[in-house]
N, C-alpha and C. Protein backbone atom coordinates (compact mmCIF):
# COMPACT_ATOMS: atom_id res chain seq x y z
N UNK A 1 86.88 63.62 -37.32
CA UNK A 1 85.51 64.07 -37.21
C UNK A 1 85.17 64.82 -38.49
N UNK A 2 84.19 64.29 -39.21
CA UNK A 2 83.83 64.92 -40.48
C UNK A 2 82.33 65.13 -40.66
N UNK A 3 81.52 64.47 -39.83
CA UNK A 3 80.07 64.57 -40.01
C UNK A 3 79.40 65.26 -38.83
N UNK A 4 78.20 65.74 -39.10
CA UNK A 4 77.39 66.36 -38.06
C UNK A 4 77.09 65.34 -36.95
N UNK A 5 76.81 64.10 -37.34
CA UNK A 5 76.49 63.06 -36.36
C UNK A 5 77.67 62.77 -35.44
N UNK A 6 78.88 62.77 -36.00
CA UNK A 6 80.07 62.55 -35.17
C UNK A 6 80.26 63.70 -34.18
N UNK A 7 80.05 64.93 -34.64
CA UNK A 7 80.20 66.09 -33.76
C UNK A 7 79.15 66.07 -32.65
N UNK A 8 77.90 65.80 -33.00
CA UNK A 8 76.84 65.73 -31.99
C UNK A 8 77.15 64.61 -31.00
N UNK A 9 77.53 63.44 -31.51
CA UNK A 9 77.85 62.31 -30.64
C UNK A 9 78.96 62.62 -29.67
N UNK A 10 80.02 63.30 -30.13
CA UNK A 10 81.11 63.66 -29.23
C UNK A 10 80.63 64.64 -28.18
N UNK A 11 79.87 65.65 -28.58
CA UNK A 11 79.36 66.65 -27.62
C UNK A 11 78.48 66.01 -26.55
N UNK A 12 77.71 65.01 -26.93
CA UNK A 12 76.81 64.36 -25.98
C UNK A 12 77.54 63.49 -24.96
N UNK A 13 78.85 63.31 -25.11
CA UNK A 13 79.61 62.56 -24.11
C UNK A 13 79.86 63.39 -22.86
N UNK A 14 79.64 64.69 -22.93
CA UNK A 14 79.84 65.56 -21.78
C UNK A 14 78.63 65.52 -20.86
N UNK A 15 78.88 65.53 -19.55
CA UNK A 15 77.74 65.58 -18.63
C UNK A 15 76.97 66.88 -18.83
N UNK A 16 75.68 66.83 -18.69
CA UNK A 16 74.83 68.02 -18.74
C UNK A 16 74.61 68.54 -20.15
N UNK A 17 75.12 67.85 -21.19
CA UNK A 17 74.97 68.34 -22.56
C UNK A 17 73.69 67.81 -23.20
N UNK A 18 73.08 68.65 -24.01
CA UNK A 18 71.93 68.20 -24.81
C UNK A 18 71.92 68.92 -26.15
N UNK A 19 71.17 68.36 -27.06
CA UNK A 19 71.10 68.86 -28.43
C UNK A 19 69.81 69.66 -28.59
N UNK A 20 69.90 70.81 -29.26
CA UNK A 20 68.76 71.70 -29.42
C UNK A 20 68.71 72.17 -30.88
N UNK A 21 67.50 72.48 -31.35
CA UNK A 21 67.29 73.00 -32.70
C UNK A 21 66.42 74.26 -32.60
N UNK A 22 67.02 75.37 -32.14
CA UNK A 22 66.21 76.56 -31.83
C UNK A 22 65.82 77.42 -33.03
N UNK A 23 66.44 77.17 -34.19
CA UNK A 23 66.18 78.04 -35.34
C UNK A 23 65.24 77.37 -36.33
N UNK A 24 64.39 78.16 -36.93
CA UNK A 24 63.43 77.66 -37.91
C UNK A 24 64.16 76.91 -39.01
N UNK A 25 63.63 75.79 -39.40
CA UNK A 25 64.24 74.98 -40.45
C UNK A 25 65.11 73.87 -39.92
N UNK A 26 65.63 74.00 -38.70
CA UNK A 26 66.41 72.95 -38.08
C UNK A 26 67.77 72.68 -38.69
N UNK A 27 68.30 73.63 -39.48
CA UNK A 27 69.60 73.39 -40.10
C UNK A 27 70.77 73.53 -39.13
N UNK A 28 70.58 74.27 -38.05
CA UNK A 28 71.63 74.46 -37.05
C UNK A 28 71.32 73.59 -35.83
N UNK A 29 72.31 72.80 -35.42
CA UNK A 29 72.22 72.04 -34.18
C UNK A 29 73.01 72.81 -33.14
N UNK A 30 72.39 73.07 -32.00
CA UNK A 30 73.06 73.81 -30.94
C UNK A 30 73.22 72.86 -29.75
N UNK A 31 74.47 72.66 -29.34
CA UNK A 31 74.77 71.84 -28.18
C UNK A 31 74.84 72.76 -26.97
N UNK A 32 74.08 72.41 -25.93
CA UNK A 32 73.94 73.29 -24.76
C UNK A 32 74.17 72.52 -23.46
N UNK A 33 74.37 73.30 -22.40
CA UNK A 33 74.39 72.77 -21.03
C UNK A 33 72.95 72.78 -20.53
N UNK A 34 72.50 71.68 -19.94
CA UNK A 34 71.13 71.63 -19.39
C UNK A 34 70.95 72.63 -18.26
N UNK A 35 71.96 72.79 -17.41
CA UNK A 35 71.79 73.59 -16.20
C UNK A 35 71.75 75.10 -16.45
N UNK A 36 72.46 75.59 -17.45
CA UNK A 36 72.44 77.05 -17.68
C UNK A 36 71.99 77.43 -19.10
N UNK A 37 71.71 76.44 -19.93
CA UNK A 37 71.22 76.64 -21.31
C UNK A 37 72.23 77.31 -22.24
N UNK A 38 73.48 77.51 -21.78
CA UNK A 38 74.48 78.15 -22.63
C UNK A 38 74.93 77.20 -23.74
N UNK A 39 75.16 77.78 -24.91
CA UNK A 39 75.64 77.03 -26.07
C UNK A 39 77.14 76.84 -25.96
N UNK A 40 77.63 75.64 -26.33
CA UNK A 40 79.07 75.45 -26.39
C UNK A 40 79.53 74.98 -27.76
N UNK A 41 78.60 74.51 -28.60
CA UNK A 41 78.97 74.10 -29.96
C UNK A 41 77.75 74.27 -30.86
N UNK A 42 77.92 75.04 -31.92
CA UNK A 42 76.87 75.19 -32.91
C UNK A 42 77.34 74.48 -34.17
N UNK A 43 76.52 73.59 -34.71
CA UNK A 43 76.90 72.73 -35.82
C UNK A 43 75.98 73.03 -37.00
N UNK A 44 76.58 73.27 -38.16
CA UNK A 44 75.78 73.61 -39.33
C UNK A 44 76.56 73.27 -40.60
N UNK A 45 75.83 73.22 -41.71
CA UNK A 45 76.47 72.98 -43.00
C UNK A 45 76.55 74.30 -43.76
N UNK A 46 77.71 74.54 -44.36
CA UNK A 46 77.93 75.75 -45.15
C UNK A 46 78.96 75.43 -46.21
N UNK A 47 78.72 75.85 -47.41
CA UNK A 47 79.66 75.66 -48.52
C UNK A 47 80.03 74.18 -48.69
N UNK A 48 79.04 73.30 -48.46
CA UNK A 48 79.24 71.87 -48.66
C UNK A 48 80.04 71.16 -47.59
N UNK A 49 80.33 71.84 -46.49
CA UNK A 49 81.09 71.25 -45.38
C UNK A 49 80.34 71.45 -44.06
N UNK A 50 80.69 70.62 -43.09
CA UNK A 50 80.16 70.82 -41.74
C UNK A 50 81.08 71.79 -41.01
N UNK A 51 80.47 72.76 -40.33
CA UNK A 51 81.19 73.77 -39.56
C UNK A 51 80.78 73.66 -38.10
N UNK A 52 81.72 73.95 -37.21
CA UNK A 52 81.45 74.03 -35.77
C UNK A 52 81.80 75.44 -35.31
N UNK A 53 80.92 76.08 -34.58
CA UNK A 53 81.25 77.33 -33.90
C UNK A 53 81.53 76.98 -32.45
N UNK A 54 82.72 77.37 -31.98
CA UNK A 54 83.17 77.01 -30.64
C UNK A 54 83.70 78.23 -29.91
N UNK A 55 83.30 78.38 -28.65
CA UNK A 55 83.81 79.47 -27.83
C UNK A 55 85.28 79.20 -27.53
N UNK A 56 86.06 80.28 -27.43
CA UNK A 56 87.49 80.12 -27.24
C UNK A 56 88.07 81.36 -26.56
N UNK A 57 89.02 81.15 -25.66
CA UNK A 57 89.75 82.25 -25.05
C UNK A 57 90.44 83.01 -26.18
N UNK A 58 90.39 84.34 -26.19
CA UNK A 58 90.87 85.11 -27.34
C UNK A 58 92.30 84.82 -27.81
N UNK A 59 93.25 84.68 -26.92
CA UNK A 59 94.63 84.42 -27.36
C UNK A 59 94.75 83.03 -27.98
N UNK A 60 94.04 82.07 -27.42
CA UNK A 60 94.05 80.72 -27.99
C UNK A 60 93.34 80.73 -29.35
N UNK A 61 92.25 81.49 -29.45
CA UNK A 61 91.53 81.60 -30.73
C UNK A 61 92.46 82.11 -31.82
N UNK A 62 93.21 83.14 -31.51
CA UNK A 62 94.15 83.70 -32.48
C UNK A 62 95.22 82.68 -32.86
N UNK A 63 95.76 81.96 -31.88
CA UNK A 63 96.77 80.94 -32.15
C UNK A 63 96.22 79.87 -33.10
N UNK A 64 95.00 79.38 -32.81
CA UNK A 64 94.41 78.32 -33.64
C UNK A 64 94.15 78.80 -35.06
N UNK A 65 93.75 80.05 -35.21
CA UNK A 65 93.52 80.60 -36.55
C UNK A 65 94.81 80.67 -37.36
N UNK A 66 95.92 80.92 -36.68
CA UNK A 66 97.22 80.96 -37.37
C UNK A 66 97.73 79.56 -37.67
N UNK A 67 97.37 78.59 -36.82
CA UNK A 67 97.88 77.22 -36.97
C UNK A 67 97.13 76.43 -38.04
N UNK A 68 95.84 76.71 -38.23
CA UNK A 68 95.01 75.90 -39.14
C UNK A 68 94.20 76.80 -40.06
N UNK A 69 94.28 76.56 -41.36
CA UNK A 69 93.49 77.33 -42.32
C UNK A 69 92.00 77.10 -42.13
N UNK A 70 91.61 75.96 -41.59
CA UNK A 70 90.19 75.62 -41.41
C UNK A 70 89.62 76.16 -40.10
N UNK A 71 90.39 76.96 -39.37
CA UNK A 71 89.89 77.63 -38.16
C UNK A 71 89.90 79.12 -38.45
N UNK A 72 88.72 79.72 -38.40
CA UNK A 72 88.56 81.12 -38.78
C UNK A 72 87.67 81.83 -37.76
N UNK A 73 87.64 83.18 -37.77
CA UNK A 73 86.70 83.88 -36.89
C UNK A 73 85.28 83.37 -37.16
N UNK A 74 84.53 83.20 -36.12
CA UNK A 74 83.24 82.50 -36.20
C UNK A 74 82.22 83.17 -37.11
N UNK A 75 81.55 82.33 -37.87
CA UNK A 75 80.45 82.74 -38.74
C UNK A 75 79.24 83.08 -37.86
N UNK A 76 78.74 84.30 -37.97
CA UNK A 76 77.55 84.78 -37.25
C UNK A 76 77.73 84.83 -35.74
N UNK A 77 78.97 84.97 -35.24
CA UNK A 77 79.20 85.02 -33.80
C UNK A 77 80.23 86.12 -33.51
N UNK A 78 80.47 86.37 -32.22
CA UNK A 78 81.49 87.29 -31.80
C UNK A 78 82.85 86.79 -32.29
N UNK A 79 83.54 87.59 -33.08
CA UNK A 79 84.79 87.16 -33.72
C UNK A 79 85.97 87.08 -32.74
N UNK A 80 85.87 87.70 -31.59
CA UNK A 80 86.95 87.66 -30.61
C UNK A 80 86.88 86.37 -29.78
N UNK A 81 85.67 85.98 -29.40
CA UNK A 81 85.49 84.88 -28.46
C UNK A 81 85.02 83.56 -29.07
N UNK A 82 84.78 83.54 -30.38
CA UNK A 82 84.29 82.33 -31.03
C UNK A 82 85.06 82.07 -32.32
N UNK A 83 85.33 80.80 -32.58
CA UNK A 83 85.95 80.35 -33.83
C UNK A 83 84.98 79.45 -34.58
N UNK A 84 85.09 79.44 -35.89
CA UNK A 84 84.46 78.41 -36.71
C UNK A 84 85.55 77.42 -37.09
N UNK A 85 85.24 76.15 -37.00
CA UNK A 85 86.14 75.08 -37.43
C UNK A 85 85.44 74.37 -38.57
N UNK A 86 86.08 74.37 -39.73
CA UNK A 86 85.53 73.72 -40.91
C UNK A 86 86.05 72.28 -40.92
N UNK A 87 85.13 71.33 -40.91
CA UNK A 87 85.53 69.91 -40.84
C UNK A 87 85.89 69.41 -42.24
N UNK A 88 87.09 69.78 -42.69
CA UNK A 88 87.55 69.39 -44.02
C UNK A 88 88.66 68.33 -43.97
N UNK A 89 88.96 67.83 -42.76
CA UNK A 89 89.99 66.82 -42.61
C UNK A 89 91.38 67.38 -42.34
N UNK A 90 91.55 68.69 -42.37
CA UNK A 90 92.87 69.28 -42.18
C UNK A 90 93.25 69.52 -40.72
N UNK A 91 92.26 69.55 -39.84
CA UNK A 91 92.54 69.74 -38.41
C UNK A 91 92.47 68.36 -37.76
N UNK A 92 93.53 67.96 -37.03
CA UNK A 92 93.51 66.64 -36.39
C UNK A 92 92.32 66.48 -35.45
N UNK A 93 91.77 65.28 -35.42
CA UNK A 93 90.59 65.00 -34.59
C UNK A 93 90.84 65.34 -33.13
N UNK A 94 92.04 65.04 -32.62
CA UNK A 94 92.35 65.33 -31.22
C UNK A 94 92.28 66.83 -30.96
N UNK A 95 92.69 67.64 -31.93
CA UNK A 95 92.64 69.09 -31.78
C UNK A 95 91.19 69.58 -31.80
N UNK A 96 90.36 69.02 -32.65
CA UNK A 96 88.94 69.39 -32.68
C UNK A 96 88.30 69.04 -31.34
N UNK A 97 88.58 67.85 -30.83
CA UNK A 97 88.03 67.44 -29.54
C UNK A 97 88.50 68.36 -28.43
N UNK A 98 89.76 68.78 -28.48
CA UNK A 98 90.29 69.71 -27.49
C UNK A 98 89.58 71.06 -27.56
N UNK A 99 89.30 71.53 -28.77
CA UNK A 99 88.59 72.80 -28.94
C UNK A 99 87.16 72.70 -28.40
N UNK A 100 86.50 71.58 -28.64
CA UNK A 100 85.14 71.38 -28.12
C UNK A 100 85.18 71.36 -26.59
N UNK A 101 86.14 70.65 -26.02
CA UNK A 101 86.28 70.58 -24.56
C UNK A 101 86.50 71.97 -23.99
N UNK A 102 87.37 72.76 -24.62
CA UNK A 102 87.65 74.13 -24.17
C UNK A 102 86.36 74.97 -24.18
N UNK A 103 85.60 74.86 -25.24
CA UNK A 103 84.34 75.60 -25.34
C UNK A 103 83.36 75.15 -24.27
N UNK A 104 83.26 73.85 -24.07
CA UNK A 104 82.38 73.31 -23.03
C UNK A 104 82.76 73.87 -21.66
N UNK A 105 84.04 73.87 -21.37
CA UNK A 105 84.50 74.36 -20.06
C UNK A 105 84.26 75.86 -19.90
N UNK A 106 84.47 76.64 -20.96
CA UNK A 106 84.25 78.09 -20.87
C UNK A 106 82.79 78.44 -20.63
N UNK A 107 81.88 77.60 -21.08
CA UNK A 107 80.45 77.90 -20.97
C UNK A 107 79.78 77.14 -19.82
N UNK A 108 80.53 76.32 -19.11
CA UNK A 108 79.98 75.55 -17.99
C UNK A 108 79.48 76.47 -16.89
N UNK A 109 78.48 76.01 -16.16
CA UNK A 109 77.98 76.82 -15.04
C UNK A 109 79.10 77.09 -14.04
N UNK A 110 79.13 78.29 -13.56
CA UNK A 110 80.14 78.69 -12.57
C UNK A 110 79.65 78.30 -11.17
N UNK A 111 80.57 77.78 -10.41
CA UNK A 111 80.24 77.50 -9.00
C UNK A 111 80.43 78.79 -8.22
N UNK A 112 79.54 79.04 -7.27
CA UNK A 112 79.71 80.26 -6.47
C UNK A 112 80.99 80.18 -5.64
N UNK A 113 81.63 81.32 -5.46
CA UNK A 113 82.83 81.37 -4.65
C UNK A 113 82.48 81.05 -3.20
N UNK A 114 83.37 80.38 -2.50
CA UNK A 114 83.08 80.07 -1.09
C UNK A 114 82.93 81.35 -0.29
N UNK A 115 81.98 81.35 0.61
CA UNK A 115 81.74 82.51 1.45
C UNK A 115 82.78 82.55 2.55
N UNK A 116 83.31 83.71 2.78
CA UNK A 116 84.29 83.87 3.86
C UNK A 116 83.59 84.35 5.11
N UNK A 117 84.07 83.83 6.24
CA UNK A 117 83.49 84.25 7.53
C UNK A 117 83.92 85.68 7.82
N UNK A 118 82.99 86.40 8.35
CA UNK A 118 83.30 87.79 8.73
C UNK A 118 84.18 87.77 9.96
N UNK A 119 85.18 88.63 9.98
CA UNK A 119 86.05 88.73 11.16
C UNK A 119 85.57 89.90 12.00
N UNK A 120 85.60 89.70 13.30
CA UNK A 120 85.13 90.75 14.21
C UNK A 120 86.23 91.26 15.06
């Protein structure tokens, strides 16, 4: 995965996903869930490369940052819960897809917990 179009196309394979351009100028593509409007992937160009901002569980985020030079604390986002992935070809495509899936799952709408019957 090296282009914005490839990233958008992959994100759109998820149910409930849609593409949004909420910022003036349209340089940032935000992939969201239709049902809760939460972002799971922000796609933008910076320093001549395509970057993805992806939500991530903090311990996994730290592991990925140590494993890949192209995974860093997120640009313009919470540095604990979000990573930026620079699409420079150094991170395997399967790993990028796994990171997108993880972000999608973390931001998915929560189902309400089943109600328990009151005991008398």
